[in-house]
C-alpha atoms as a PDB file:
ATOM      1  CA  MET A   1      38.653 -30.276 -35.010  1.00  0.00           C
ATOM      2  CA  ASN A   2      37.390 -32.373 -32.140  1.00  0.00           C
ATOM      3  CA  PHE A   3      38.090 -29.525 -29.705  1.00  0.00           C
ATOM      4  CA  SER A   4      36.083 -26.989 -31.739  1.00  0.00           C
ATOM      5  CA  LEU A   5      33.017 -29.272 -31.705  1.00  0.00           C
ATOM      6  CA  LEU A   6      33.213 -29.587 -27.927  1.00  0.00           C
ATOM      7  CA  ALA A   7      33.591 -25.814 -27.523  1.00  0.00           C
ATOM      8  CA  GLN A   8      30.518 -25.222 -29.709  1.00  0.00           C
ATOM      9  CA  ALA A   9      28.503 -27.790 -27.741  1.00  0.00           C
ATOM     10  CA  ALA A  10      29.453 -26.178 -24.431  1.00  0.00           C
ATOM     11  CA  ALA A  11      28.520 -22.712 -25.696  1.00  0.00           C
ATOM     12  CA  GLY A  12      25.158 -23.962 -26.951  1.00  0.00           C
ATOM     13  CA  GLY A  13      24.491 -25.646 -23.600  1.00  0.00           C
ATOM     14  CA  SER A  14      25.020 -22.453 -21.591  1.00  0.00           C
ATOM     15  CA  GLN A  15      22.808 -20.503 -23.981  1.00  0.00           C
ATOM     16  CA  GLY A  16      20.046 -23.089 -23.524  1.00  0.00           C
ATOM     17  CA  MET A  17      20.505 -22.814 -19.771  1.00  0.00           C
ATOM     18  CA  ILE A  18      20.054 -19.019 -19.932  1.00  0.00           C
ATOM     19  CA  TYR A  19      16.827 -19.418 -21.895  1.00  0.00           C
ATOM     20  CA  GLN A  20      15.581 -21.947 -19.355  1.00  0.00           C
ATOM     21  CA  VAL A  21      16.322 -19.593 -16.443  1.00  0.00           C
ATOM     22  CA  VAL A  22      14.599 -16.710 -18.256  1.00  0.00           C
ATOM     23  CA  MET A  23      11.596 -18.946 -18.912  1.00  0.00           C
ATOM     24  CA  TRP A  24      11.302 -19.912 -15.217  1.00  0.00           C
ATOM     25  CA  VAL A  25      11.637 -16.294 -14.113  1.00  0.00           C
ATOM     26  CA  GLY A  26       8.866 -15.403 -16.584  1.00  0.00           C
ATOM     27  CA  ILE A  27       6.604 -18.167 -15.272  1.00  0.00           C
ATOM     28  CA  ILE A  28       7.148 -17.046 -11.672  1.00  0.00           C
ATOM     29  CA  GLY A  29       6.488 -13.417 -12.670  1.00  0.00           C
ATOM     30  CA  VAL A  30       3.227 -14.327 -14.401  1.00  0.00           C
ATOM     31  CA  PHE A  31       2.192 -16.467 -11.420  1.00  0.00           C
ATOM     32  CA  TYR A  32       2.887 -13.557  -9.050  1.00  0.00           C
ATOM     33  CA  PHE A  33       0.995 -10.934 -11.065  1.00  0.00           C
ATOM     34  CA  PHE A  34      -2.039 -13.116 -11.813  1.00  0.00           C
ATOM     35  CA  MET A  35      -2.366 -15.132  -8.589  1.00  0.00           C
ATOM     36  CA  ILE A  36      -0.546 -13.743  -5.555  1.00  0.00           C
ATOM     37  CA  ARG A  37      -0.832  -9.975  -6.067  1.00  0.00           C
ATOM     38  CA  PRO A  38      -4.633  -9.882  -6.617  1.00  0.00           C
ATOM     39  CA  GLN A  39      -5.154 -12.072  -3.542  1.00  0.00           C
ATOM     40  CA  GLN A  40      -3.037  -9.731  -1.408  1.00  0.00           C
ATOM     41  CA  LYS A  41      -5.007  -6.733  -2.715  1.00  0.00           C
ATOM     42  CA  LYS A  42      -8.294  -8.450  -1.895  1.00  0.00           C
ATOM     43  CA  GLN A  43      -7.115  -9.232   1.657  1.00  0.00           C
ATOM     44  CA  LYS A  44      -6.004  -5.617   2.134  1.00  0.00           C
ATOM     45  CA  ASP A  45      -9.386  -4.302   0.921  1.00  0.00           C
ATOM     46  CA  GLN A  46     -11.277  -6.701   3.227  1.00  0.00           C
ATOM     47  CA  LYS A  47      -9.169  -5.657   6.222  1.00  0.00           C
ATOM     48  CA  GLU A  48      -9.847  -1.997   5.420  1.00  0.00           C
ATOM     49  CA  LEU A  49     -13.588  -2.708   5.098  1.00  0.00           C
ATOM     50  CA  LEU A  50     -13.689  -4.395   8.520  1.00  0.00           C
ATOM     51  CA  GLY A  51     -11.742  -1.523  10.086  1.00  0.00           C
ATOM     52  CA  ASN A  52     -14.185   1.088   8.751  1.00  0.00           C
ATOM     53  CA  LEU A  53     -17.426  -0.536   9.946  1.00  0.00           C
ATOM     54  CA  LYS A  54     -19.708   1.795  11.885  1.00  0.00           C
ATOM     55  CA  LYS A  55     -23.167   1.767  13.420  1.00  0.00           C
ATOM     56  CA  GLY A  56     -25.942   2.002  10.843  1.00  0.00           C
ATOM     57  CA  ASP A  57     -24.028   0.458   7.899  1.00  0.00           C
ATOM     58  CA  GLN A  58     -25.948  -2.073   5.825  1.00  0.00           C
ATOM     59  CA  VAL A  59     -23.899  -5.268   5.486  1.00  0.00           C
ATOM     60  CA  VAL A  60     -24.055  -8.785   4.100  1.00  0.00           C
ATOM     61  CA  THR A  61     -22.450 -11.647   6.040  1.00  0.00           C
ATOM     62  CA  ILE A  62     -20.583 -14.545   4.474  1.00  0.00           C
ATOM     63  CA  GLY A  63     -23.725 -16.602   5.133  1.00  0.00           C
ATOM     64  CA  GLY A  64     -25.831 -14.202   3.048  1.00  0.00           C
ATOM     65  CA  ILE A  65     -27.650 -12.461   5.910  1.00  0.00           C
ATOM     66  CA  HIS A  66     -28.541  -8.842   5.126  1.00  0.00           C
ATOM     67  CA  ALA A  67     -28.601  -6.639   8.232  1.00  0.00           C
ATOM     68  CA  ARG A  68     -27.806  -3.236   9.720  1.00  0.00           C
ATOM     69  CA  ILE A  69     -24.933  -2.812  12.184  1.00  0.00           C
ATOM     70  CA  TYR A  70     -26.226  -2.103  15.700  1.00  0.00           C
ATOM     71  CA  THR A  71     -22.884  -2.000  17.586  1.00  0.00           C
ATOM     72  CA  VAL A  72     -19.223  -2.490  16.677  1.00  0.00           C
ATOM     73  CA  GLU A  73     -16.748  -3.935  19.174  1.00  0.00           C
ATOM     74  CA  GLU A  74     -13.110  -4.954  18.843  1.00  0.00           C
ATOM     75  CA  THR A  75     -13.667  -8.416  17.342  1.00  0.00           C
ATOM     76  CA  THR A  76     -17.456  -8.713  17.106  1.00  0.00           C
ATOM     77  CA  VAL A  77     -20.345  -6.882  15.504  1.00  0.00           C
ATOM     78  CA  THR A  78     -23.966  -6.920  16.634  1.00  0.00           C
ATOM     79  CA  LEU A  79     -26.376  -6.869  13.706  1.00  0.00           C
ATOM     80  CA  GLU A  80     -30.021  -5.834  13.769  1.00  0.00           C
ATOM     81  CA  LEU A  81     -31.913  -8.158  11.440  1.00  0.00           C
ATOM     82  CA  ASP A  82     -35.437  -6.920  12.056  1.00  0.00           C
ATOM     83  CA  LYS A  83     -37.163  -4.839  14.699  1.00  0.00           C
ATOM     84  CA  GLY A  84     -35.672  -6.080  17.965  1.00  0.00           C
ATOM     85  CA  VAL A  85     -33.883  -9.123  16.458  1.00  0.00           C
ATOM     86  CA  LYS A  86     -30.141  -8.854  17.076  1.00  0.00           C
ATOM     87  CA  LEU A  87     -27.351 -11.211  16.116  1.00  0.00           C
ATOM     88  CA  THR A  88     -23.713 -11.072  17.261  1.00  0.00           C
ATOM     89  CA  VAL A  89     -21.080 -12.254  14.768  1.00  0.00           C
ATOM     90  CA  ASP A  90     -17.313 -12.012  14.356  1.00  0.00           C
ATOM     91  CA  LYS A  91     -16.099  -9.094  12.274  1.00  0.00           C
ATOM     92  CA  SER A  92     -14.537 -11.590   9.874  1.00  0.00           C
ATOM     93  CA  ALA A  93     -18.072 -12.838   9.047  1.00  0.00           C
ATOM     94  CA  ILE A  94     -18.879  -9.536   7.297  1.00  0.00           C
ATOM     95  CA  SER A  95     -18.518 -10.027   3.561  1.00  0.00           C
ATOM     96  CA  ARG A  96     -19.398  -6.609   2.151  1.00  0.00           C
ATOM     97  CA  THR A  97     -21.327  -3.438   2.747  1.00  0.00           C
ATOM     98  CA  ILE A  98     -24.387  -2.314   0.808  1.00  0.00           C
ATOM     99  CA  ALA A  99     -24.684   1.270  -0.392  1.00  0.00           C
ATOM    100  CA  GLY A 100     -27.903   2.882   0.630  1.00  0.00           C
END
């Protein structure tokens, strides 16, 4: 009788362990799909945006400056703020483009 109680306790322990592993896998899966994956998608979209910049595009910098692209170089962009006012910034400082 003593042996059967120990066998039942051991079986219940492994079943609890399986549920715990499944729970952790579920938590990691939820974390990946709600935190990591959207961030990777956002980084990919930003990289694509910076790669497709061309002269004449209306952009907004991370500092909130609205301007038109005057020239595009490998790592920098020259923006035309107003007639004759030009500003050179890193490509990474471009936040988004404006349609229009």
